[in-house]
Every structure is written in C-alpha cells, then in structure tokens.
C-alpha cells in the first residue's frame, strides 16, 4: 500500500510537470495567434519561464526513479556488490542531505517573497511566491524518492533506477545510458 502511494505521488508530480509543459505550449500558441491578430500577450515570456521551472522540478522524482536523471556510475558500477551497496548508501545519503538543504533555502526564498510581497517586474505583476513554490515542492518529491531508494538499498534491495537500467539493457535500449 505504501509503495502504491509513493508511486502515485511520483506520478502526480510528473502529471503536474506534463500539465506545465502543456501550459507552455498553450501560452506559445496564444502568443502566436495574438501576434497574427496584431495583439500582444502580456507576461507570456514570464509565464513560460515559470512553467518551464515547474516542468523541470515537478518531474525530478519520477525521472530519478526511472533512472533517467544524469548519474555518474563510472566507479560505482565497477565495484563488487558489497562495496557497491555501501557506495549506493553513501551516495543516496549525500543526495538526501543535499536535497534537504536545497529545500530549506527554497522554502526560505518562497516565504521571503511572500513576506515582502515580491511581484514579477514584467508586464504581469505575478506574486513571485506562487511560481517559486514549484521548486521546493518538486525538490521535496525528489527527497522522498531519494529516501525511498535509500530504504530499498538499506533493506538489501536494488534501487529502481538500477532495475530500470537493467531492463533497458535487456531490451537493447541504450538511449538513456550514454
């Protein structure tokens, strides 16, 4: 039940990322249509930039779990299983600490933007805490995914990103590995 909940959480982040990407598409289409009509779409560049950040951050957790984030496995993939497990634990622990540290400062930035009522300086005065909020949310999802993998490795299981890479290799698909 916990596994299904976590997988749904990661998938939910990816769905929100996909919707953000679709939002970029809609903004671009609206911008082109309005330009054709001789009109202007105020704030379209800012909105696209905010949606791009949301797309990136909200997709991190599922991308990590699927083994599609850039990962340097040059050393870790060539050591014996016992040493590899130790290195995975160390790498995942360091990743969790780095994520938590980044989240701390991202949340601080969101709260500061809210406190000072910071708004975008572009044509559309969007309160900046709103688009900034996607960063700690996405990083939080990534932190949960990293801790999920850490627990898996501590319980002597294979991380999902390793299983995904093995499945791709078995199919002869090396498109992500390069």
C-alpha atoms as a PDB file:
ATOM      1  CA  UNK A   1       0.000   0.000   0.000  1.00  0.00           C
ATOM      2  CA  UNK A   2       2.849   2.400   0.808  1.00  0.00           C
ATOM      3  CA  UNK A   3       4.550   1.501  -2.477  1.00  0.00           C
ATOM      4  CA  UNK A   4       1.408   2.346  -4.442  1.00  0.00           C
ATOM      5  CA  UNK A   5       1.058   5.628  -2.565  1.00  0.00           C
ATOM      6  CA  UNK A   6       4.648   6.643  -3.249  1.00  0.00           C
ATOM      7  CA  UNK A   7       4.388   5.663  -6.904  1.00  0.00           C
ATOM      8  CA  UNK A   8       1.176   7.705  -7.160  1.00  0.00           C
ATOM      9  CA  UNK A   9       2.962  10.657  -5.546  1.00  0.00           C
ATOM     10  CA  UNK A  10       5.794  10.498  -8.100  1.00  0.00           C
ATOM     11  CA  UNK A  11       3.319  10.056 -10.951  1.00  0.00           C
ATOM     12  CA  UNK A  12       1.303  13.018  -9.650  1.00  0.00           C
ATOM     13  CA  UNK A  13       4.401  15.204  -9.817  1.00  0.00           C
ATOM     14  CA  UNK A  14       5.030  14.012 -13.371  1.00  0.00           C
ATOM     15  CA  UNK A  15       1.416  14.750 -14.345  1.00  0.00           C
ATOM     16  CA  UNK A  16       1.769  18.287 -12.978  1.00  0.00           C
ATOM     17  CA  UNK A  17       5.045  18.616 -14.917  1.00  0.00           C
ATOM     18  CA  UNK A  18       3.290  17.447 -18.088  1.00  0.00           C
ATOM     19  CA  UNK A  19       0.481  19.939 -17.496  1.00  0.00           C
ATOM     20  CA  UNK A  20       3.091  22.678 -17.046  1.00  0.00           C
ATOM     21  CA  UNK A  21       4.686  21.674 -20.336  1.00  0.00           C
ATOM     22  CA  UNK A  22       1.271  21.737 -21.980  1.00  0.00           C
ATOM     23  CA  UNK A  23       0.772  25.169 -20.431  1.00  0.00           C
ATOM     24  CA  UNK A  24       3.930  26.371 -22.183  1.00  0.00           C
ATOM     25  CA  UNK A  25       2.500  25.074 -25.439  1.00  0.00           C
ATOM     26  CA  UNK A  26      -0.802  26.909 -24.841  1.00  0.00           C
ATOM     27  CA  UNK A  27       0.997  30.151 -23.993  1.00  0.00           C
ATOM     28  CA  UNK A  28       3.091  29.887 -27.166  1.00  0.00           C
ATOM     29  CA  UNK A  29       0.060  29.134 -29.339  1.00  0.00           C
ATOM     30  CA  UNK A  30      -1.859  32.040 -27.786  1.00  0.00           C
ATOM     31  CA  UNK A  31       1.141  34.299 -28.272  1.00  0.00           C
ATOM     32  CA  UNK A  32       1.390  33.344 -31.968  1.00  0.00           C
ATOM     33  CA  UNK A  33      -2.338  33.719 -32.500  1.00  0.00           C
ATOM     34  CA  UNK A  34      -2.439  37.126 -30.861  1.00  0.00           C
ATOM     35  CA  UNK A  35       0.623  38.252 -32.780  1.00  0.00           C
ATOM     36  CA  UNK A  36      -1.117  37.218 -36.006  1.00  0.00           C
ATOM     37  CA  UNK A  37      -4.046  39.428 -34.960  1.00  0.00           C
ATOM     38  CA  UNK A  38      -1.671  42.298 -34.178  1.00  0.00           C
ATOM     39  CA  UNK A  39      -2.150  41.942 -30.440  1.00  0.00           C
ATOM     40  CA  UNK A  40       0.218  41.335 -27.573  1.00  0.00           C
ATOM     41  CA  UNK A  41       0.108  38.690 -24.813  1.00  0.00           C
ATOM     42  CA  UNK A  42       1.398  40.494 -21.707  1.00  0.00           C
ATOM     43  CA  UNK A  43       3.635  38.415 -19.469  1.00  0.00           C
ATOM     44  CA  UNK A  44       3.812  35.443 -21.832  1.00  0.00           C
ATOM     45  CA  UNK A  45       7.603  35.167 -21.526  1.00  0.00           C
ATOM     46  CA  UNK A  46       7.410  35.232 -17.732  1.00  0.00           C
ATOM     47  CA  UNK A  47       4.603  32.676 -17.634  1.00  0.00           C
ATOM     48  CA  UNK A  48       6.530  30.366 -19.971  1.00  0.00           C
ATOM     49  CA  UNK A  49       9.631  30.681 -17.786  1.00  0.00           C
ATOM     50  CA  UNK A  50       7.671  29.867 -14.617  1.00  0.00           C
ATOM     51  CA  UNK A  51       6.057  26.868 -16.294  1.00  0.00           C
ATOM     52  CA  UNK A  52       9.476  25.696 -17.512  1.00  0.00           C
ATOM     53  CA  UNK A  53      10.775  25.713 -13.935  1.00  0.00           C
ATOM     54  CA  UNK A  54       7.660  23.834 -12.780  1.00  0.00           C
ATOM     55  CA  UNK A  55       8.108  21.278 -15.564  1.00  0.00           C
ATOM     56  CA  UNK A  56      11.691  20.649 -14.520  1.00  0.00           C
ATOM     57  CA  UNK A  57      11.237  20.430 -10.764  1.00  0.00           C
ATOM     58  CA  UNK A  58       7.962  18.509 -10.666  1.00  0.00           C
ATOM     59  CA  UNK A  59       9.340  15.766 -12.923  1.00  0.00           C
ATOM     60  CA  UNK A  60      12.517  15.153 -10.891  1.00  0.00           C
ATOM     61  CA  UNK A  61      11.225  12.384  -8.608  1.00  0.00           C
ATOM     62  CA  UNK A  62       9.790  10.128 -11.303  1.00  0.00           C
ATOM     63  CA  UNK A  63      12.748  10.809 -13.572  1.00  0.00           C
ATOM     64  CA  UNK A  64      15.101   9.770 -10.759  1.00  0.00           C
ATOM     65  CA  UNK A  65      13.141   6.600 -10.007  1.00  0.00           C
ATOM     66  CA  UNK A  66      13.216   5.606 -13.670  1.00  0.00           C
ATOM     67  CA  UNK A  67      16.960   6.065 -13.844  1.00  0.00           C
ATOM     68  CA  UNK A  68      16.690   8.843 -16.390  1.00  0.00           C
ATOM     69  CA  UNK A  69      18.492  11.567 -14.462  1.00  0.00           C
ATOM     70  CA  UNK A  70      22.146  12.052 -15.220  1.00  0.00           C
ATOM     71  CA  UNK A  71      24.036   9.817 -12.863  1.00  0.00           C
ATOM     72  CA  UNK A  72      27.766   9.219 -12.803  1.00  0.00           C
ATOM     73  CA  UNK A  73      28.104   5.483 -12.325  1.00  0.00           C
ATOM     74  CA  UNK A  74      31.600   5.134 -13.723  1.00  0.00           C
ATOM     75  CA  UNK A  75      33.064   3.972 -10.411  1.00  0.00           C
ATOM     76  CA  UNK A  76      30.046   2.515  -8.635  1.00  0.00           C
ATOM     77  CA  UNK A  77      29.139   0.173 -11.499  1.00  0.00           C
ATOM     78  CA  UNK A  78      32.567  -1.479 -11.496  1.00  0.00           C
ATOM     79  CA  UNK A  79      32.896  -2.459  -7.848  1.00  0.00           C
ATOM     80  CA  UNK A  80      31.839  -5.720  -6.174  1.00  0.00           C
ATOM     81  CA  UNK A  81      28.223  -5.909  -4.909  1.00  0.00           C
ATOM     82  CA  UNK A  82      29.114  -5.390  -1.231  1.00  0.00           C
ATOM     83  CA  UNK A  83      31.152  -2.278  -1.919  1.00  0.00           C
ATOM     84  CA  UNK A  84      28.555  -1.091  -4.411  1.00  0.00           C
ATOM     85  CA  UNK A  85      25.841  -1.296  -1.760  1.00  0.00           C
ATOM     86  CA  UNK A  86      27.966   0.816   0.577  1.00  0.00           C
ATOM     87  CA  UNK A  87      28.633   3.344  -2.151  1.00  0.00           C
ATOM     88  CA  UNK A  88      24.916   3.478  -3.046  1.00  0.00           C
ATOM     89  CA  UNK A  89      24.082   4.111   0.616  1.00  0.00           C
ATOM     90  CA  UNK A  90      26.681   6.887   0.802  1.00  0.00           C
ATOM     91  CA  UNK A  91      25.572   8.466  -2.491  1.00  0.00           C
ATOM     92  CA  UNK A  92      21.877   8.320  -1.582  1.00  0.00           C
ATOM     93  CA  UNK A  93      22.570   9.693   1.897  1.00  0.00           C
ATOM     94  CA  UNK A  94      24.547  12.602   0.462  1.00  0.00           C
ATOM     95  CA  UNK A  95      21.813  13.213  -2.126  1.00  0.00           C
ATOM     96  CA  UNK A  96      19.180  13.285   0.636  1.00  0.00           C
ATOM     97  CA  UNK A  97      21.201  15.803   2.647  1.00  0.00           C
ATOM     98  CA  UNK A  98      21.755  17.962  -0.454  1.00  0.00           C
ATOM     99  CA  UNK A  99      18.038  17.850  -1.314  1.00  0.00           C
ATOM    100  CA  UNK A 100      17.020  18.735   2.237  1.00  0.00           C
ATOM    101  CA  UNK A 101      19.496  21.624   2.301  1.00  0.00           C
ATOM    102  CA  UNK A 102      18.227  22.942  -1.048  1.00  0.00           C
ATOM    103  CA  UNK A 103      14.607  22.611   0.086  1.00  0.00           C
ATOM    104  CA  UNK A 104      15.365  24.574   3.247  1.00  0.00           C
ATOM    105  CA  UNK A 105      16.655  27.531   1.222  1.00  0.00           C
ATOM    106  CA  UNK A 106      13.937  27.257  -1.422  1.00  0.00           C
ATOM    107  CA  UNK A 107      11.232  27.375   1.239  1.00  0.00           C
ATOM    108  CA  UNK A 108      13.023  30.315   2.853  1.00  0.00           C
ATOM    109  CA  UNK A 109      13.018  32.112  -0.519  1.00  0.00           C
ATOM    110  CA  UNK A 110       9.301  31.414  -1.056  1.00  0.00           C
ATOM    111  CA  UNK A 111       8.463  32.680   2.435  1.00  0.00           C
ATOM    112  CA  UNK A 112      10.624  35.771   1.952  1.00  0.00           C
ATOM    113  CA  UNK A 113       8.899  36.538  -1.361  1.00  0.00           C
ATOM    114  CA  UNK A 114       5.546  36.151   0.373  1.00  0.00           C
ATOM    115  CA  UNK A 115       6.613  38.316   3.312  1.00  0.00           C
ATOM    116  CA  UNK A 116       7.821  41.229   1.202  1.00  0.00           C
ATOM    117  CA  UNK A 117       5.010  40.792  -1.326  1.00  0.00           C
ATOM    118  CA  UNK A 118       7.522  40.420  -4.139  1.00  0.00           C
ATOM    119  CA  UNK A 119       5.990  40.579  -7.616  1.00  0.00           C
ATOM    120  CA  UNK A 120       7.391  39.959 -11.081  1.00  0.00           C
ATOM    121  CA  UNK A 121       8.870  43.056 -12.702  1.00  0.00           C
ATOM    122  CA  UNK A 122       7.497  42.139 -16.139  1.00  0.00           C
ATOM    123  CA  UNK A 123       4.256  43.209 -17.740  1.00  0.00           C
ATOM    124  CA  UNK A 124       2.196  40.956 -15.479  1.00  0.00           C
ATOM    125  CA  UNK A 125       2.685  41.581 -11.737  1.00  0.00           C
ATOM    126  CA  UNK A 126       2.556  37.928 -10.619  1.00  0.00           C
ATOM    127  CA  UNK A 127       3.325  37.364  -6.913  1.00  0.00           C
ATOM    128  CA  UNK A 128       6.652  35.543  -7.155  1.00  0.00           C
ATOM    129  CA  UNK A 129       5.996  33.158  -4.268  1.00  0.00           C
ATOM    130  CA  UNK A 130       3.480  31.341  -6.498  1.00  0.00           C
ATOM    131  CA  UNK A 131       5.848  30.207  -9.284  1.00  0.00           C
ATOM    132  CA  UNK A 132       8.694  29.775  -6.776  1.00  0.00           C
ATOM    133  CA  UNK A 133       6.583  27.281  -4.829  1.00  0.00           C
ATOM    134  CA  UNK A 134       7.031  24.609  -7.509  1.00  0.00           C
ATOM    135  CA  UNK A 135      10.755  24.393  -6.720  1.00  0.00           C
ATOM    136  CA  UNK A 136      10.548  23.209  -3.093  1.00  0.00           C
ATOM    137  CA  UNK A 137       7.567  21.004  -3.956  1.00  0.00           C
ATOM    138  CA  UNK A 138       9.489  19.304  -6.767  1.00  0.00           C
ATOM    139  CA  UNK A 139      12.652  19.070  -4.676  1.00  0.00           C
ATOM    140  CA  UNK A 140      10.556  17.648  -1.823  1.00  0.00           C
ATOM    141  CA  UNK A 141       9.235  14.946  -4.124  1.00  0.00           C
ATOM    142  CA  UNK A 142      12.814  14.210  -5.159  1.00  0.00           C
ATOM    143  CA  UNK A 143      13.849  13.985  -1.496  1.00  0.00           C
ATOM    144  CA  UNK A 144      11.074  11.455  -0.852  1.00  0.00           C
ATOM    145  CA  UNK A 145      12.216   9.452  -3.898  1.00  0.00           C
ATOM    146  CA  UNK A 146      15.856   9.510  -2.746  1.00  0.00           C
ATOM    147  CA  UNK A 147      14.853   8.376   0.759  1.00  0.00           C
ATOM    148  CA  UNK A 148      12.654   5.701  -0.809  1.00  0.00           C
ATOM    149  CA  UNK A 149      15.660   4.351  -2.717  1.00  0.00           C
ATOM    150  CA  UNK A 150      17.864   4.628   0.371  1.00  0.00           C
ATOM    151  CA  UNK A 151      15.430   2.472   2.339  1.00  0.00           C
ATOM    152  CA  UNK A 152      15.368  -0.030  -0.525  1.00  0.00           C
ATOM    153  CA  UNK A 153      19.177  -0.284  -0.543  1.00  0.00           C
ATOM    154  CA  UNK A 154      19.346  -0.484   3.262  1.00  0.00           C
ATOM    155  CA  UNK A 155      16.896  -3.416   3.068  1.00  0.00           C
ATOM    156  CA  UNK A 156      19.293  -5.075   0.593  1.00  0.00           C
ATOM    157  CA  UNK A 157      17.121  -4.398  -2.437  1.00  0.00           C
ATOM    158  CA  UNK A 158      18.131  -2.984  -5.795  1.00  0.00           C
ATOM    159  CA  UNK A 159      17.280   0.650  -6.393  1.00  0.00           C
ATOM    160  CA  UNK A 160      14.590   1.253  -9.014  1.00  0.00           C
ATOM    161  CA  UNK A 161      16.988   3.245 -11.193  1.00  0.00           C
ATOM    162  CA  UNK A 162      19.297   0.213 -11.377  1.00  0.00           C
ATOM    163  CA  UNK A 163      16.371  -2.090 -12.183  1.00  0.00           C
ATOM    164  CA  UNK A 164      15.224   0.344 -14.884  1.00  0.00           C
ATOM    165  CA  UNK A 165      18.723   0.488 -16.410  1.00  0.00           C
ATOM    166  CA  UNK A 166      18.957  -3.312 -16.379  1.00  0.00           C
ATOM    167  CA  UNK A 167      15.548  -3.611 -18.056  1.00  0.00           C
ATOM    168  CA  UNK A 168      16.587  -1.135 -20.759  1.00  0.00           C
ATOM    169  CA  UNK A 169      19.857  -3.008 -21.315  1.00  0.00           C
ATOM    170  CA  UNK A 170      17.981  -6.318 -21.588  1.00  0.00           C
ATOM    171  CA  UNK A 171      15.848  -4.744 -24.344  1.00  0.00           C
ATOM    172  CA  UNK A 172      18.957  -3.419 -26.056  1.00  0.00           C
ATOM    173  CA  UNK A 173      17.880   0.170 -25.376  1.00  0.00           C
ATOM    174  CA  UNK A 174      20.906   2.286 -24.531  1.00  0.00           C
ATOM    175  CA  UNK A 175      19.297   5.640 -25.359  1.00  0.00           C
ATOM    176  CA  UNK A 176      19.345   6.892 -21.765  1.00  0.00           C
ATOM    177  CA  UNK A 177      22.706   5.402 -20.805  1.00  0.00           C
ATOM    178  CA  UNK A 178      25.082   7.409 -22.957  1.00  0.00           C
END
